[in-house]
């Protein structure tokens, strides 16, 4: 008979009590680490959990003078209004297309850049390239957008080159044919260096003995890249892909807001800019919250789906 049965304590209860004791001892032993962690916990509670109460605005006719609690419930009124709005589907199409273009053309660039940079043997050159490519990430889109406009306006650098070649100038920022490509290219140029940091860290974790074994087997540098390097960083690539897929309804508000003008609304107006106009400019907070909640639900579904697919393919997933 189990010794705890004699004392009348169920074995499962004894296991829980033991586990609880071990956990409490661990907390006491690392108490100062938890003290340092406490401000971070407070931060996430205040800015990531408490704001969930504000989502109830989507189901109310919110008035700032009445407050959230006293505003009347209207159920799915704002969602019905949203889905019956013809502009919503145009916004949804623009948002998804812009994000997919960025994902298709932009996602591989940091990976390729990290692989190329990893092959550089001159440390000073490697660091110089890293510094130059990281720098644009730290510029705000207000500053970076001004630089882009300097190149793309009718009196800008590119049109100056076109005039020198006796070609007609083009106002790129007001031409709907060029606006989406401009978003994709400028987004890649701004962030590809910073995005490569994660893959460079993953490359540093690949076991060097695998390369030695591949060399013994006669593998060239290209074959080492295909059969050693890429499989070694594939879990990181999978994780970053999940994160990008979950943000499919986030086409980059700051970038679009800075570069967009009314002449390209048909191809450039996205959900986030619509929320900005409805919420801050027109004061329709309930409708703007309904749009934000819709985005959150879609993102959650995509994260769950992508994570489940990776687990079925035996790739590393978020959980």
C-alpha atoms as a PDB file:
ATOM      1  CA  UNK A   1       0.000   0.000   0.000  1.00  0.00           C
ATOM      2  CA  UNK A   2       1.210   3.521  -0.840  1.00  0.00           C
ATOM      3  CA  UNK A   3       2.585   5.278   2.245  1.00  0.00           C
ATOM      4  CA  UNK A   4       0.283   8.269   1.687  1.00  0.00           C
ATOM      5  CA  UNK A   5      -2.722   5.946   1.697  1.00  0.00           C
ATOM      6  CA  UNK A   6      -1.942   5.083   5.320  1.00  0.00           C
ATOM      7  CA  UNK A   7      -2.011   8.732   6.312  1.00  0.00           C
ATOM      8  CA  UNK A   8      -5.213   9.308   4.381  1.00  0.00           C
ATOM      9  CA  UNK A   9      -3.640  11.718   1.842  1.00  0.00           C
ATOM     10  CA  UNK A  10      -4.442  10.862  -1.798  1.00  0.00           C
ATOM     11  CA  UNK A  11      -1.277  10.312  -3.898  1.00  0.00           C
ATOM     12  CA  UNK A  12      -2.299  13.017  -6.410  1.00  0.00           C
ATOM     13  CA  UNK A  13      -2.759  15.550  -3.615  1.00  0.00           C
ATOM     14  CA  UNK A  14       0.677  14.678  -2.263  1.00  0.00           C
ATOM     15  CA  UNK A  15       2.212  15.213  -5.716  1.00  0.00           C
ATOM     16  CA  UNK A  16       0.498  18.598  -6.036  1.00  0.00           C
ATOM     17  CA  UNK A  17       1.683  19.616  -2.563  1.00  0.00           C
ATOM     18  CA  UNK A  18       5.246  18.581  -3.414  1.00  0.00           C
ATOM     19  CA  UNK A  19       5.174  20.443  -6.728  1.00  0.00           C
ATOM     20  CA  UNK A  20       3.753  23.523  -5.033  1.00  0.00           C
ATOM     21  CA  UNK A  21       6.506  23.401  -2.411  1.00  0.00           C
ATOM     22  CA  UNK A  22       9.205  23.122  -5.061  1.00  0.00           C
ATOM     23  CA  UNK A  23       7.727  26.053  -6.994  1.00  0.00           C
ATOM     24  CA  UNK A  24       7.526  28.242  -3.890  1.00  0.00           C
ATOM     25  CA  UNK A  25      11.113  27.380  -2.930  1.00  0.00           C
ATOM     26  CA  UNK A  26      12.241  28.280  -6.430  1.00  0.00           C
ATOM     27  CA  UNK A  27      10.443  31.622  -6.223  1.00  0.00           C
ATOM     28  CA  UNK A  28      12.018  32.367  -2.834  1.00  0.00           C
ATOM     29  CA  UNK A  29      15.459  31.452  -4.134  1.00  0.00           C
ATOM     30  CA  UNK A  30      15.079  33.769  -7.155  1.00  0.00           C
ATOM     31  CA  UNK A  31      12.984  36.424  -5.425  1.00  0.00           C
ATOM     32  CA  UNK A  32      15.061  39.377  -6.640  1.00  0.00           C
ATOM     33  CA  UNK A  33      14.695  38.231 -10.242  1.00  0.00           C
ATOM     34  CA  UNK A  34      10.930  38.233  -9.768  1.00  0.00           C
ATOM     35  CA  UNK A  35      11.145  41.696  -8.239  1.00  0.00           C
ATOM     36  CA  UNK A  36      12.908  42.869 -11.401  1.00  0.00           C
ATOM     37  CA  UNK A  37      10.246  41.125 -13.484  1.00  0.00           C
ATOM     38  CA  UNK A  38       7.364  42.752 -11.592  1.00  0.00           C
ATOM     39  CA  UNK A  39       7.425  46.129 -13.450  1.00  0.00           C
ATOM     40  CA  UNK A  40       7.266  44.251 -16.763  1.00  0.00           C
ATOM     41  CA  UNK A  41       4.255  42.271 -15.538  1.00  0.00           C
ATOM     42  CA  UNK A  42       2.535  45.496 -14.468  1.00  0.00           C
ATOM     43  CA  UNK A  43       3.286  47.033 -17.866  1.00  0.00           C
ATOM     44  CA  UNK A  44       1.691  44.157 -19.796  1.00  0.00           C
ATOM     45  CA  UNK A  45      -1.284  44.027 -17.449  1.00  0.00           C
ATOM     46  CA  UNK A  46      -1.921  47.764 -17.841  1.00  0.00           C
ATOM     47  CA  UNK A  47      -1.356  48.024 -21.593  1.00  0.00           C
ATOM     48  CA  UNK A  48      -2.155  44.532 -22.927  1.00  0.00           C
ATOM     49  CA  UNK A  49      -4.841  43.063 -20.642  1.00  0.00           C
ATOM     50  CA  UNK A  50      -6.795  45.967 -19.115  1.00  0.00           C
ATOM     51  CA  UNK A  51      -7.455  47.521 -22.578  1.00  0.00           C
ATOM     52  CA  UNK A  52      -9.487  44.428 -23.496  1.00  0.00           C
ATOM     53  CA  UNK A  53     -12.324  46.030 -21.549  1.00  0.00           C
ATOM     54  CA  UNK A  54     -12.351  48.755 -24.194  1.00  0.00           C
ATOM     55  CA  UNK A  55     -13.320  46.206 -26.862  1.00  0.00           C
ATOM     56  CA  UNK A  56     -16.873  46.418 -25.518  1.00  0.00           C
ATOM     57  CA  UNK A  57     -17.058  49.775 -27.322  1.00  0.00           C
ATOM     58  CA  UNK A  58     -17.533  47.794 -30.540  1.00  0.00           C
ATOM     59  CA  UNK A  59     -20.911  46.606 -29.219  1.00  0.00           C
ATOM     60  CA  UNK A  60     -22.052  49.995 -27.892  1.00  0.00           C
ATOM     61  CA  UNK A  61     -22.913  53.464 -29.126  1.00  0.00           C
ATOM     62  CA  UNK A  62     -19.938  54.899 -27.299  1.00  0.00           C
ATOM     63  CA  UNK A  63     -20.014  58.480 -26.100  1.00  0.00           C
ATOM     64  CA  UNK A  64     -16.942  59.979 -24.427  1.00  0.00           C
ATOM     65  CA  UNK A  65     -19.239  62.006 -22.166  1.00  0.00           C
ATOM     66  CA  UNK A  66     -21.105  58.926 -20.910  1.00  0.00           C
ATOM     67  CA  UNK A  67     -18.088  56.656 -20.678  1.00  0.00           C
ATOM     68  CA  UNK A  68     -17.806  52.991 -21.608  1.00  0.00           C
ATOM     69  CA  UNK A  69     -20.009  51.655 -18.796  1.00  0.00           C
ATOM     70  CA  UNK A  70     -22.974  54.007 -19.401  1.00  0.00           C
ATOM     71  CA  UNK A  71     -22.968  53.885 -23.212  1.00  0.00           C
ATOM     72  CA  UNK A  72     -25.960  51.885 -24.546  1.00  0.00           C
ATOM     73  CA  UNK A  73     -25.505  48.389 -25.969  1.00  0.00           C
ATOM     74  CA  UNK A  74     -26.341  48.004 -29.668  1.00  0.00           C
ATOM     75  CA  UNK A  75     -25.113  44.462 -30.282  1.00  0.00           C
ATOM     76  CA  UNK A  76     -23.744  43.794 -33.779  1.00  0.00           C
ATOM     77  CA  UNK A  77     -24.931  47.107 -35.216  1.00  0.00           C
ATOM     78  CA  UNK A  78     -21.461  48.428 -36.024  1.00  0.00           C
ATOM     79  CA  UNK A  79     -20.328  45.119 -37.514  1.00  0.00           C
ATOM     80  CA  UNK A  80     -23.398  45.065 -39.776  1.00  0.00           C
ATOM     81  CA  UNK A  81     -22.658  48.627 -40.768  1.00  0.00           C
ATOM     82  CA  UNK A  82     -19.051  47.690 -41.464  1.00  0.00           C
ATOM     83  CA  UNK A  83     -19.776  44.651 -43.638  1.00  0.00           C
ATOM     84  CA  UNK A  84     -22.535  46.447 -45.564  1.00  0.00           C
ATOM     85  CA  UNK A  85     -20.179  49.302 -46.439  1.00  0.00           C
ATOM     86  CA  UNK A  86     -18.949  48.974 -50.024  1.00  0.00           C
ATOM     87  CA  UNK A  87     -15.688  50.703 -49.125  1.00  0.00           C
ATOM     88  CA  UNK A  88     -14.861  47.990 -46.588  1.00  0.00           C
ATOM     89  CA  UNK A  89     -14.230  45.334 -49.243  1.00  0.00           C
ATOM     90  CA  UNK A  90     -12.021  47.725 -51.190  1.00  0.00           C
ATOM     91  CA  UNK A  91     -10.069  48.416 -47.987  1.00  0.00           C
ATOM     92  CA  UNK A  92      -9.835  44.695 -47.236  1.00  0.00           C
ATOM     93  CA  UNK A  93      -8.608  43.941 -50.743  1.00  0.00           C
ATOM     94  CA  UNK A  94      -5.973  46.690 -50.636  1.00  0.00           C
ATOM     95  CA  UNK A  95      -4.755  45.611 -47.192  1.00  0.00           C
ATOM     96  CA  UNK A  96      -4.441  41.931 -48.072  1.00  0.00           C
ATOM     97  CA  UNK A  97      -2.813  42.580 -51.456  1.00  0.00           C
ATOM     98  CA  UNK A  98      -0.232  45.008 -50.069  1.00  0.00           C
ATOM     99  CA  UNK A  99       0.664  42.615 -47.249  1.00  0.00           C
ATOM    100  CA  UNK A 100       0.893  39.619 -49.615  1.00  0.00           C
ATOM    101  CA  UNK A 101       3.150  41.600 -51.969  1.00  0.00           C
ATOM    102  CA  UNK A 102       5.378  42.496 -49.039  1.00  0.00           C
ATOM    103  CA  UNK A 103       5.350  38.899 -47.809  1.00  0.00           C
ATOM    104  CA  UNK A 104       6.091  37.377 -51.215  1.00  0.00           C
ATOM    105  CA  UNK A 105       8.819  39.807 -52.263  1.00  0.00           C
ATOM    106  CA  UNK A 106      10.053  41.022 -48.877  1.00  0.00           C
ATOM    107  CA  UNK A 107      10.122  37.917 -46.683  1.00  0.00           C
ATOM    108  CA  UNK A 108      12.993  36.143 -48.536  1.00  0.00           C
ATOM    109  CA  UNK A 109      15.216  39.248 -48.746  1.00  0.00           C
ATOM    110  CA  UNK A 110      16.449  39.269 -45.090  1.00  0.00           C
ATOM    111  CA  UNK A 111      17.098  35.522 -45.333  1.00  0.00           C
ATOM    112  CA  UNK A 112      19.144  35.878 -48.524  1.00  0.00           C
ATOM    113  CA  UNK A 113      20.993  38.888 -47.109  1.00  0.00           C
ATOM    114  CA  UNK A 114      21.833  37.002 -43.897  1.00  0.00           C
ATOM    115  CA  UNK A 115      23.101  34.005 -45.882  1.00  0.00           C
ATOM    116  CA  UNK A 116      25.298  36.232 -48.048  1.00  0.00           C
ATOM    117  CA  UNK A 117      26.580  38.217 -45.083  1.00  0.00           C
ATOM    118  CA  UNK A 118      27.385  34.990 -43.267  1.00  0.00           C
ATOM    119  CA  UNK A 119      29.789  34.074 -46.071  1.00  0.00           C
ATOM    120  CA  UNK A 120      31.816  37.276 -45.685  1.00  0.00           C
ATOM    121  CA  UNK A 121      35.165  36.604 -44.033  1.00  0.00           C
ATOM    122  CA  UNK A 122      36.376  40.215 -43.694  1.00  0.00           C
ATOM    123  CA  UNK A 123      35.037  41.242 -40.289  1.00  0.00           C
ATOM    124  CA  UNK A 124      35.460  44.985 -40.862  1.00  0.00           C
ATOM    125  CA  UNK A 125      33.546  44.801 -44.153  1.00  0.00           C
ATOM    126  CA  UNK A 126      30.818  42.678 -42.588  1.00  0.00           C
ATOM    127  CA  UNK A 127      30.317  45.143 -39.739  1.00  0.00           C
ATOM    128  CA  UNK A 128      30.301  48.109 -42.116  1.00  0.00           C
ATOM    129  CA  UNK A 129      27.598  46.506 -44.275  1.00  0.00           C
ATOM    130  CA  UNK A 130      25.548  45.636 -41.191  1.00  0.00           C
ATOM    131  CA  UNK A 131      25.737  49.209 -39.878  1.00  0.00           C
ATOM    132  CA  UNK A 132      24.681  50.709 -43.210  1.00  0.00           C
ATOM    133  CA  UNK A 133      21.758  48.323 -43.691  1.00  0.00           C
ATOM    134  CA  UNK A 134      20.541  48.565 -40.068  1.00  0.00           C
ATOM    135  CA  UNK A 135      20.462  52.349 -40.017  1.00  0.00           C
ATOM    136  CA  UNK A 136      17.236  52.973 -42.045  1.00  0.00           C
ATOM    137  CA  UNK A 137      15.236  50.899 -39.551  1.00  0.00           C
ATOM    138  CA  UNK A 138      15.848  53.525 -36.862  1.00  0.00           C
ATOM    139  CA  UNK A 139      14.444  56.333 -38.982  1.00  0.00           C
ATOM    140  CA  UNK A 140      10.765  57.114 -38.507  1.00  0.00           C
ATOM    141  CA  UNK A 141       8.523  56.835 -41.545  1.00  0.00           C
ATOM    142  CA  UNK A 142       8.058  60.601 -41.426  1.00  0.00           C
ATOM    143  CA  UNK A 143      11.774  61.095 -42.071  1.00  0.00           C
ATOM    144  CA  UNK A 144      12.165  58.114 -44.386  1.00  0.00           C
ATOM    145  CA  UNK A 145       9.020  59.086 -46.314  1.00  0.00           C
ATOM    146  CA  UNK A 146      10.484  62.549 -46.857  1.00  0.00           C
ATOM    147  CA  UNK A 147      13.619  60.966 -48.295  1.00  0.00           C
ATOM    148  CA  UNK A 148      11.498  58.753 -50.569  1.00  0.00           C
ATOM    149  CA  UNK A 149       9.497  61.773 -51.727  1.00  0.00           C
ATOM    150  CA  UNK A 150      12.741  63.592 -52.546  1.00  0.00           C
ATOM    151  CA  UNK A 151      13.557  60.853 -55.028  1.00  0.00           C
ATOM    152  CA  UNK A 152      10.061  60.303 -56.470  1.00  0.00           C
ATOM    153  CA  UNK A 153       8.461  63.758 -56.852  1.00  0.00           C
ATOM    154  CA  UNK A 154       8.342  65.407 -60.306  1.00  0.00           C
ATOM    155  CA  UNK A 155      11.382  67.494 -59.347  1.00  0.00           C
ATOM    156  CA  UNK A 156      13.092  64.596 -57.582  1.00  0.00           C
ATOM    157  CA  UNK A 157      16.291  62.716 -58.322  1.00  0.00           C
ATOM    158  CA  UNK A 158      14.762  59.938 -60.429  1.00  0.00           C
ATOM    159  CA  UNK A 159      12.835  62.358 -62.635  1.00  0.00           C
ATOM    160  CA  UNK A 160      16.003  64.387 -62.985  1.00  0.00           C
ATOM    161  CA  UNK A 161      17.680  61.297 -64.420  1.00  0.00           C
ATOM    162  CA  UNK A 162      14.699  60.705 -66.737  1.00  0.00           C
ATOM    163  CA  UNK A 163      14.887  64.288 -68.008  1.00  0.00           C
ATOM    164  CA  UNK A 164      18.609  63.889 -68.619  1.00  0.00           C
ATOM    165  CA  UNK A 165      17.767  60.834 -70.737  1.00  0.00           C
ATOM    166  CA  UNK A 166      15.150  62.953 -72.579  1.00  0.00           C
ATOM    167  CA  UNK A 167      12.251  60.929 -71.142  1.00  0.00           C
ATOM    168  CA  UNK A 168       8.985  62.293 -69.801  1.00  0.00           C
ATOM    169  CA  UNK A 169       8.907  62.824 -66.002  1.00  0.00           C
ATOM    170  CA  UNK A 170       6.563  60.673 -63.915  1.00  0.00           C
ATOM    171  CA  UNK A 171       4.894  61.630 -60.646  1.00  0.00           C
ATOM    172  CA  UNK A 172       5.277  58.237 -59.019  1.00  0.00           C
ATOM    173  CA  UNK A 173       3.435  59.064 -55.784  1.00  0.00           C
ATOM    174  CA  UNK A 174       0.232  60.099 -57.561  1.00  0.00           C
ATOM    175  CA  UNK A 175       0.189  57.299 -60.130  1.00  0.00           C
ATOM    176  CA  UNK A 176      -1.880  54.318 -58.943  1.00  0.00           C
ATOM    177  CA  UNK A 177       0.197  51.964 -61.100  1.00  0.00           C
ATOM    178  CA  UNK A 178       3.339  52.631 -59.072  1.00  0.00           C
ATOM    179  CA  UNK A 179       2.011  53.143 -55.550  1.00  0.00           C
ATOM    180  CA  UNK A 180       1.915  49.495 -54.404  1.00  0.00           C
ATOM    181  CA  UNK A 181       5.359  48.680 -55.862  1.00  0.00           C
ATOM    182  CA  UNK A 182       6.702  51.781 -54.107  1.00  0.00           C
ATOM    183  CA  UNK A 183       5.305  50.525 -50.785  1.00  0.00           C
ATOM    184  CA  UNK A 184       6.900  47.122 -51.275  1.00  0.00           C
ATOM    185  CA  UNK A 185      10.320  48.404 -52.388  1.00  0.00           C
ATOM    186  CA  UNK A 186      10.635  51.135 -49.747  1.00  0.00           C
ATOM    187  CA  UNK A 187       9.467  48.744 -47.023  1.00  0.00           C
ATOM    188  CA  UNK A 188      12.122  46.221 -48.016  1.00  0.00           C
ATOM    189  CA  UNK A 189      14.865  48.849 -48.220  1.00  0.00           C
ATOM    190  CA  UNK A 190      14.025  50.185 -44.771  1.00  0.00           C
ATOM    191  CA  UNK A 191      13.812  46.935 -42.806  1.00  0.00           C
ATOM    192  CA  UNK A 192      15.682  44.122 -44.575  1.00  0.00           C
ATOM    193  CA  UNK A 193      18.926  44.785 -42.692  1.00  0.00           C
ATOM    194  CA  UNK A 194      17.213  44.799 -39.312  1.00  0.00           C
ATOM    195  CA  UNK A 195      15.198  41.691 -40.187  1.00  0.00           C
ATOM    196  CA  UNK A 196      18.391  39.820 -41.023  1.00  0.00           C
ATOM    197  CA  UNK A 197      19.554  40.023 -37.385  1.00  0.00           C
ATOM    198  CA  UNK A 198      17.279  37.150 -36.368  1.00  0.00           C
ATOM    199  CA  UNK A 199      18.586  34.917 -39.144  1.00  0.00           C
ATOM    200  CA  UNK A 200      22.211  35.827 -38.416  1.00  0.00           C
ATOM    201  CA  UNK A 201      21.619  34.759 -34.810  1.00  0.00           C
ATOM    202  CA  UNK A 202      20.103  31.497 -36.052  1.00  0.00           C
ATOM    203  CA  UNK A 203      23.090  30.934 -38.335  1.00  0.00           C
ATOM    204  CA  UNK A 204      25.434  31.382 -35.382  1.00  0.00           C
ATOM    205  CA  UNK A 205      23.642  28.488 -33.684  1.00  0.00           C
ATOM    206  CA  UNK A 206      24.236  25.966 -36.489  1.00  0.00           C
ATOM    207  CA  UNK A 207      26.668  23.263 -35.340  1.00  0.00           C
ATOM    208  CA  UNK A 208      30.084  23.821 -37.048  1.00  0.00           C
ATOM    209  CA  UNK A 209      30.715  20.064 -36.991  1.00  0.00           C
ATOM    210  CA  UNK A 210      27.973  19.641 -39.584  1.00  0.00           C
ATOM    211  CA  UNK A 211      29.973  21.795 -41.991  1.00  0.00           C
ATOM    212  CA  UNK A 212      33.119  19.770 -41.275  1.00  0.00           C
ATOM    213  CA  UNK A 213      31.252  16.540 -42.015  1.00  0.00           C
ATOM    214  CA  UNK A 214      29.856  18.007 -45.224  1.00  0.00           C
ATOM    215  CA  UNK A 215      33.364  19.055 -46.330  1.00  0.00           C
ATOM    216  CA  UNK A 216      34.648  15.544 -45.684  1.00  0.00           C
ATOM    217  CA  UNK A 217      31.850  14.214 -47.904  1.00  0.00           C
ATOM    218  CA  UNK A 218      32.948  16.595 -50.659  1.00  0.00           C
ATOM    219  CA  UNK A 219      30.111  19.106 -50.402  1.00  0.00           C
ATOM    220  CA  UNK A 220      30.687  22.448 -52.094  1.00  0.00           C
ATOM    221  CA  UNK A 221      29.780  25.766 -50.425  1.00  0.00           C
ATOM    222  CA  UNK A 222      26.483  25.795 -52.289  1.00  0.00           C
ATOM    223  CA  UNK A 223      25.603  22.254 -51.170  1.00  0.00           C
ATOM    224  CA  UNK A 224      26.553  23.136 -47.601  1.00  0.00           C
ATOM    225  CA  UNK A 225      24.131  26.039 -47.882  1.00  0.00           C
ATOM    226  CA  UNK A 226      21.330  23.802 -49.163  1.00  0.00           C
ATOM    227  CA  UNK A 227      21.800  20.769 -46.918  1.00  0.00           C
ATOM    228  CA  UNK A 228      23.257  22.257 -43.728  1.00  0.00           C
ATOM    229  CA  UNK A 229      22.606  25.987 -43.406  1.00  0.00           C
ATOM    230  CA  UNK A 230      18.991  26.200 -44.581  1.00  0.00           C
ATOM    231  CA  UNK A 231      17.770  23.182 -42.547  1.00  0.00           C
ATOM    232  CA  UNK A 232      19.570  24.670 -39.539  1.00  0.00           C
ATOM    233  CA  UNK A 233      17.638  27.951 -39.693  1.00  0.00           C
ATOM    234  CA  UNK A 234      14.354  26.491 -40.961  1.00  0.00           C
ATOM    235  CA  UNK A 235      12.701  26.588 -37.480  1.00  0.00           C
ATOM    236  CA  UNK A 236      13.424  30.329 -37.290  1.00  0.00           C
ATOM    237  CA  UNK A 237      12.088  30.850 -40.809  1.00  0.00           C
ATOM    238  CA  UNK A 238       8.908  28.951 -39.883  1.00  0.00           C
ATOM    239  CA  UNK A 239       8.393  31.055 -36.770  1.00  0.00           C
ATOM    240  CA  UNK A 240       8.860  34.327 -38.638  1.00  0.00           C
ATOM    241  CA  UNK A 241       6.482  33.115 -41.349  1.00  0.00           C
ATOM    242  CA  UNK A 242       3.772  32.489 -38.737  1.00  0.00           C
ATOM    243  CA  UNK A 243       4.230  35.998 -37.366  1.00  0.00           C
ATOM    244  CA  UNK A 244       4.004  37.517 -40.849  1.00  0.00           C
ATOM    245  CA  UNK A 245       0.910  35.521 -41.769  1.00  0.00           C
ATOM    246  CA  UNK A 246      -0.819  36.574 -38.556  1.00  0.00           C
ATOM    247  CA  UNK A 247      -0.331  40.227 -39.576  1.00  0.00           C
ATOM    248  CA  UNK A 248      -2.003  39.813 -42.965  1.00  0.00           C
ATOM    249  CA  UNK A 249      -4.426  42.649 -42.137  1.00  0.00           C
ATOM    250  CA  UNK A 250      -1.576  44.956 -41.150  1.00  0.00           C
ATOM    251  CA  UNK A 251      -0.141  46.545 -44.287  1.00  0.00           C
ATOM    252  CA  UNK A 252       1.922  49.160 -42.397  1.00  0.00           C
ATOM    253  CA  UNK A 253      -0.087  52.148 -41.270  1.00  0.00           C
ATOM    254  CA  UNK A 254       2.815  54.584 -40.828  1.00  0.00           C
ATOM    255  CA  UNK A 255       4.245  53.902 -44.271  1.00  0.00           C
ATOM    256  CA  UNK A 256       0.922  54.136 -46.103  1.00  0.00           C
ATOM    257  CA  UNK A 257      -0.211  57.186 -44.125  1.00  0.00           C
ATOM    258  CA  UNK A 258       2.977  59.111 -44.928  1.00  0.00           C
ATOM    259  CA  UNK A 259       3.138  58.224 -48.632  1.00  0.00           C
ATOM    260  CA  UNK A 260      -0.567  58.129 -49.537  1.00  0.00           C
ATOM    261  CA  UNK A 261      -2.597  60.958 -51.060  1.00  0.00           C
ATOM    262  CA  UNK A 262      -6.212  61.108 -52.282  1.00  0.00           C
ATOM    263  CA  UNK A 263      -5.244  60.303 -55.884  1.00  0.00           C
ATOM    264  CA  UNK A 264      -4.184  56.750 -54.905  1.00  0.00           C
ATOM    265  CA  UNK A 265      -6.987  55.924 -52.455  1.00  0.00           C
ATOM    266  CA  UNK A 266      -8.298  53.265 -54.835  1.00  0.00           C
ATOM    267  CA  UNK A 267      -5.129  51.152 -54.457  1.00  0.00           C
ATOM    268  CA  UNK A 268      -3.548  52.479 -51.265  1.00  0.00           C
ATOM    269  CA  UNK A 269      -6.320  53.070 -48.747  1.00  0.00           C
ATOM    270  CA  UNK A 270      -6.152  50.285 -46.137  1.00  0.00           C
ATOM    271  CA  UNK A 271      -8.073  49.261 -43.021  1.00  0.00           C
ATOM    272  CA  UNK A 272      -5.749  51.102 -40.635  1.00  0.00           C
ATOM    273  CA  UNK A 273      -6.033  54.422 -42.471  1.00  0.00           C
ATOM    274  CA  UNK A 274      -9.816  53.977 -42.507  1.00  0.00           C
ATOM    275  CA  UNK A 275      -9.792  53.377 -38.738  1.00  0.00           C
ATOM    276  CA  UNK A 276      -7.706  56.528 -38.308  1.00  0.00           C
ATOM    277  CA  UNK A 277     -10.189  58.616 -40.283  1.00  0.00           C
ATOM    278  CA  UNK A 278     -13.256  57.111 -38.611  1.00  0.00           C
ATOM    279  CA  UNK A 279     -11.884  57.095 -35.068  1.00  0.00           C
ATOM    280  CA  UNK A 280      -9.732  60.178 -34.708  1.00  0.00           C
ATOM    281  CA  UNK A 281     -10.951  62.508 -37.452  1.00  0.00           C
ATOM    282  CA  UNK A 282     -14.697  61.770 -37.315  1.00  0.00           C
ATOM    283  CA  UNK A 283     -15.026  60.536 -33.734  1.00  0.00           C
ATOM    284  CA  UNK A 284     -16.762  57.244 -34.644  1.00  0.00           C
ATOM    285  CA  UNK A 285     -14.962  55.267 -31.948  1.00  0.00           C
ATOM    286  CA  UNK A 286     -17.364  52.312 -31.911  1.00  0.00           C
ATOM    287  CA  UNK A 287     -16.987  51.658 -35.632  1.00  0.00           C
ATOM    288  CA  UNK A 288     -13.202  51.998 -35.433  1.00  0.00           C
ATOM    289  CA  UNK A 289     -13.110  49.533 -32.515  1.00  0.00           C
ATOM    290  CA  UNK A 290     -15.282  47.080 -34.444  1.00  0.00           C
ATOM    291  CA  UNK A 291     -12.788  47.169 -37.314  1.00  0.00           C
ATOM    292  CA  UNK A 292      -9.893  46.625 -34.896  1.00  0.00           C
ATOM    293  CA  UNK A 293     -11.670  43.671 -33.268  1.00  0.00           C
ATOM    294  CA  UNK A 294     -12.315  42.179 -36.696  1.00  0.00           C
ATOM    295  CA  UNK A 295      -8.598  42.444 -37.475  1.00  0.00           C
ATOM    296  CA  UNK A 296      -7.700  40.783 -34.183  1.00  0.00           C
ATOM    297  CA  UNK A 297     -10.043  37.830 -34.753  1.00  0.00           C
ATOM    298  CA  UNK A 298      -8.735  37.231 -38.276  1.00  0.00           C
ATOM    299  CA  UNK A 299      -5.144  37.419 -37.018  1.00  0.00           C
ATOM    300  CA  UNK A 300      -5.888  34.917 -34.237  1.00  0.00           C
ATOM    301  CA  UNK A 301      -7.455  32.460 -36.704  1.00  0.00           C
ATOM    302  CA  UNK A 302      -4.469  32.762 -39.044  1.00  0.00           C
ATOM    303  CA  UNK A 303      -1.968  32.198 -36.218  1.00  0.00           C
ATOM    304  CA  UNK A 304      -3.813  29.082 -35.068  1.00  0.00           C
ATOM    305  CA  UNK A 305      -4.076  27.753 -38.633  1.00  0.00           C
ATOM    306  CA  UNK A 306      -0.440  28.409 -39.541  1.00  0.00           C
ATOM    307  CA  UNK A 307       0.776  26.944 -36.257  1.00  0.00           C
ATOM    308  CA  UNK A 308      -1.326  23.801 -36.739  1.00  0.00           C
ATOM    309  CA  UNK A 309      -0.025  23.389 -40.295  1.00  0.00           C
ATOM    310  CA  UNK A 310       3.592  23.624 -39.152  1.00  0.00           C
ATOM    311  CA  UNK A 311       2.982  21.048 -36.430  1.00  0.00           C
ATOM    312  CA  UNK A 312       1.559  18.656 -39.007  1.00  0.00           C
ATOM    313  CA  UNK A 313       4.634  19.203 -41.170  1.00  0.00           C
ATOM    314  CA  UNK A 314       6.863  18.434 -38.127  1.00  0.00           C
ATOM    315  CA  UNK A 315       8.284  21.957 -38.106  1.00  0.00           C
ATOM    316  CA  UNK A 316       8.943  23.974 -34.960  1.00  0.00           C
ATOM    317  CA  UNK A 317       5.822  25.886 -33.972  1.00  0.00           C
ATOM    318  CA  UNK A 318       4.947  28.529 -31.379  1.00  0.00           C
ATOM    319  CA  UNK A 319       3.459  25.919 -29.053  1.00  0.00           C
END
